[in-house]
């Protein structure tokens, strides 16, 4: 505050000093002028140092921010690549599992087709064996009733027993009847 008063006083007296015919300054005026110049230089120096400090701080902040952003961008890109690689590995594993499942399905389908064909063949063989057995049973009953004569045929003659034993897998007609 006191400097402001001195400065105002000096500014009021400046035209008088400049227009002084003798061109001499009093000691007080010289001291005031020197103080004004020194204080102005100090204020200017403080302003320059403050500006330089702000500029250096701003540049340091900006470079630190840029460095941190660069490091963050690198870390983010690395994380994105890692996630993309993980998704790729999962996708490949899923594809491998799917292909294996398809191969297994095809093998099972082939096996099922083979079993179905075998079943059709066996069903045909059984139907043919049933038809043949039906014909053989009718013939054996007919033959047994012809050979029994008037003794009273009960339905289990020699030929019927041989056919029965053969159908059950006891061999070539062995019935235990002595034949």
Protein backbone atom coordinates (compact mmCIF):
# COMPACT_ATOMS: atom_id res chain seq x y z
CA UNK A 1 0.00 0.00 0.00
CA UNK A 2 2.80 2.37 0.89
CA UNK A 3 4.53 1.65 -2.41
CA UNK A 4 1.36 2.47 -4.25
CA UNK A 5 1.24 5.86 -2.53
CA UNK A 6 4.88 6.53 -3.35
CA UNK A 7 4.36 5.48 -6.94
CA UNK A 8 1.32 7.74 -7.27
CA UNK A 9 3.27 10.62 -5.82
CA UNK A 10 6.15 10.01 -8.19
CA UNK A 11 3.83 9.77 -11.18
CA UNK A 12 2.27 13.09 -10.21
CA UNK A 13 5.69 14.68 -9.97
CA UNK A 14 7.11 13.05 -13.11
CA UNK A 15 6.03 15.80 -15.51
CA UNK A 16 7.50 18.33 -13.14
CA UNK A 17 10.80 16.44 -13.01
CA UNK A 18 10.95 16.11 -16.75
CA UNK A 19 10.15 19.77 -17.23
CA UNK A 20 12.59 20.94 -14.56
CA UNK A 21 14.81 23.53 -16.17
CA UNK A 22 17.75 22.76 -14.17
CA UNK A 23 17.50 19.06 -15.10
CA UNK A 24 18.58 18.00 -11.69
CA UNK A 25 16.76 15.63 -9.47
CA UNK A 26 16.64 16.02 -5.76
CA UNK A 27 17.97 13.22 -3.58
CA UNK A 28 14.45 12.25 -2.64
CA UNK A 29 13.41 12.24 -6.25
CA UNK A 30 16.45 10.17 -7.26
CA UNK A 31 15.81 7.69 -4.47
CA UNK A 32 12.18 7.49 -5.42
CA UNK A 33 13.04 7.02 -9.07
CA UNK A 34 15.63 4.35 -8.21
CA UNK A 35 13.13 2.57 -5.93
CA UNK A 36 10.54 2.73 -8.68
CA UNK A 37 12.95 1.25 -11.23
CA UNK A 38 14.14 -1.45 -8.83
CA UNK A 39 10.63 -2.37 -7.71
CA UNK A 40 9.47 -2.41 -11.33
CA UNK A 41 12.39 -4.65 -12.21
CA UNK A 42 11.55 -6.91 -9.26
CA UNK A 43 7.89 -7.06 -10.27
CA UNK A 44 8.88 -7.77 -13.86
CA UNK A 45 11.39 -10.41 -12.72
CA UNK A 46 8.74 -12.02 -10.47
CA UNK A 47 6.26 -12.00 -13.34
CA UNK A 48 8.85 -13.55 -15.66
CA UNK A 49 9.87 -16.15 -13.09
CA UNK A 50 6.22 -16.91 -12.31
CA UNK A 51 5.44 -17.24 -16.00
CA UNK A 52 8.50 -19.38 -16.57
CA UNK A 53 7.57 -21.51 -13.55
CA UNK A 54 4.02 -21.91 -14.82
CA UNK A 55 5.30 -22.73 -18.31
CA UNK A 56 7.77 -25.31 -16.94
CA UNK A 57 5.09 -26.80 -14.70
CA UNK A 58 2.63 -26.94 -17.59
CA UNK A 59 5.24 -28.51 -19.89
CA UNK A 60 6.16 -31.02 -17.18
CA UNK A 61 2.51 -31.82 -16.58
CA UNK A 62 1.85 -32.13 -20.29
CA UNK A 63 4.86 -34.36 -20.86
CA UNK A 64 3.99 -36.46 -17.79
CA UNK A 65 0.41 -36.74 -18.99
CA UNK A 66 1.58 -37.68 -22.48
CA UNK A 67 3.97 -40.28 -21.03
CA UNK A 68 1.28 -41.73 -18.76
CA UNK A 69 -1.24 -41.73 -21.61
CA UNK A 70 1.26 -43.49 -23.86
CA UNK A 71 1.97 -46.12 -21.20
CA UNK A 72 -1.78 -46.52 -20.61
CA UNK A 73 -2.43 -46.87 -24.32
CA UNK A 74 0.28 -49.53 -24.59
CA UNK A 75 -1.16 -51.41 -21.60
CA UNK A 76 -4.68 -51.14 -23.04
CA UNK A 77 -3.53 -52.38 -26.43
CA UNK A 78 -1.69 -55.25 -24.74
CA UNK A 79 -4.81 -56.16 -22.77
CA UNK A 80 -6.96 -55.99 -25.90
CA UNK A 81 -4.49 -58.25 -27.73
CA UNK A 82 -4.46 -60.69 -24.82
CA UNK A 83 -8.26 -60.81 -24.78
CA UNK A 84 -8.38 -61.23 -28.55
CA UNK A 85 -5.85 -64.06 -28.32
CA UNK A 86 -7.88 -65.70 -25.55
CA UNK A 87 -11.07 -65.41 -27.59
CA UNK A 88 -9.20 -66.89 -30.57
CA UNK A 89 -7.97 -69.83 -28.47
CA UNK A 90 -11.48 -70.43 -27.12
CA UNK A 91 -12.90 -70.24 -30.63
CA UNK A 92 -10.32 -72.69 -31.94
CA UNK A 93 -10.93 -75.07 -29.02
CA UNK A 94 -14.67 -74.85 -29.65
CA UNK A 95 -14.13 -75.54 -33.34
CA UNK A 96 -11.94 -78.55 -32.55
CA UNK A 97 -14.55 -79.86 -30.09
CA UNK A 98 -17.31 -79.31 -32.64
CA UNK A 99 -15.36 -81.14 -35.37
CA UNK A 100 -14.67 -84.01 -32.96
CA UNK A 101 -18.36 -84.15 -32.05
CA UNK A 102 -19.25 -84.22 -35.75
CA UNK A 103 -16.76 -87.05 -36.37
CA UNK A 104 -18.17 -88.94 -33.38
CA UNK A 105 -21.68 -88.35 -34.67
CA UNK A 106 -20.72 -89.63 -38.10
CA UNK A 107 -19.07 -92.72 -36.54
CA UNK A 108 -22.16 -93.36 -34.40
CA UNK A 109 -24.41 -92.86 -37.42
CA UNK A 110 -22.29 -95.30 -39.41
CA UNK A 111 -22.43 -97.78 -36.54
CA UNK A 112 -26.21 -97.29 -36.24
CA UNK A 113 -26.59 -97.84 -40.00
CA UNK A 114 -24.52 -101.03 -39.78
CA UNK A 115 -26.58 -102.26 -36.82
CA UNK A 116 -29.81 -101.42 -38.63
CA UNK A 117 -28.64 -103.35 -41.69
CA UNK A 118 -27.63 -106.26 -39.48
CA UNK A 119 -31.02 -106.12 -37.77
CA UNK A 120 -32.80 -106.16 -41.12
CA UNK A 121 -30.70 -109.17 -42.19
CA UNK A 122 -31.32 -111.02 -38.92
CA UNK A 123 -35.03 -110.18 -39.05
CA UNK A 124 -35.15 -111.56 -42.59
CA UNK A 125 -33.24 -114.68 -41.55
CA UNK A 126 -35.56 -115.19 -38.57
CA UNK A 127 -38.65 -114.74 -40.72
CA UNK A 128 -37.24 -117.22 -43.20
CA UNK A 129 -36.35 -119.66 -40.40
CA UNK A 130 -39.85 -119.26 -38.94
CA UNK A 131 -41.44 -119.95 -42.31
CA UNK A 132 -39.17 -122.96 -42.84
CA UNK A 133 -39.91 -124.26 -39.33
CA UNK A 134 -43.64 -123.82 -39.95
CA UNK A 135 -43.36 -125.88 -43.14
CA UNK A 136 -41.17 -128.49 -41.43
CA UNK A 137 -43.56 -128.72 -38.46
CA UNK A 138 -46.52 -129.30 -40.75
CA UNK A 139 -44.58 -131.95 -42.68
CA UNK A 140 -43.30 -133.66 -39.47
CA UNK A 141 -46.82 -133.76 -37.98
CA UNK A 142 -48.14 -135.09 -41.26
CA UNK A 143 -45.38 -137.74 -41.44
CA UNK A 144 -45.84 -138.71 -37.79
CA UNK A 145 -49.59 -139.12 -38.18
CA UNK A 146 -49.08 -141.32 -41.28
CA UNK A 147 -46.58 -143.60 -39.51
CA UNK A 148 -48.54 -143.82 -36.26
CA UNK A 149 -51.38 -145.59 -37.93
CA UNK A 150 -54.23 -146.51 -35.65
CA UNK A 151 -52.24 -146.45 -32.41
CA UNK A 152 -53.54 -143.07 -31.43
CA UNK A 153 -51.33 -140.16 -32.42
CA UNK A 154 -50.66 -137.67 -29.61
CA UNK A 155 -48.76 -135.04 -31.73
CA UNK A 156 -45.22 -135.87 -30.63
CA UNK A 157 -43.92 -138.40 -33.01
CA UNK A 158 -40.38 -139.24 -33.97
CA UNK A 159 -40.13 -136.66 -36.70
CA UNK A 160 -41.68 -133.96 -34.49
CA UNK A 161 -39.14 -134.69 -31.72
CA UNK A 162 -36.24 -134.52 -34.17
CA UNK A 163 -37.46 -131.16 -35.45
CA UNK A 164 -37.97 -129.93 -31.90
CA UNK A 165 -34.43 -130.94 -30.88
CA UNK A 166 -32.96 -129.38 -34.00
CA UNK A 167 -34.84 -126.10 -33.40
CA UNK A 168 -33.49 -125.99 -29.83
CA UNK A 169 -29.97 -126.62 -31.04
CA UNK A 170 -29.45 -130.14 -29.71
CA UNK A 171 -27.69 -131.30 -32.82
CA UNK A 172 -28.53 -133.37 -35.82
CA UNK A 173 -31.85 -134.72 -34.76
CA UNK A 174 -30.69 -136.43 -31.55
CA UNK A 175 -33.82 -136.84 -29.49
CA UNK A 176 -32.79 -139.46 -27.08
CA UNK A 177 -35.36 -141.78 -28.62
CA UNK A 178 -32.81 -144.19 -29.98
CA UNK A 179 -32.85 -143.03 -33.54
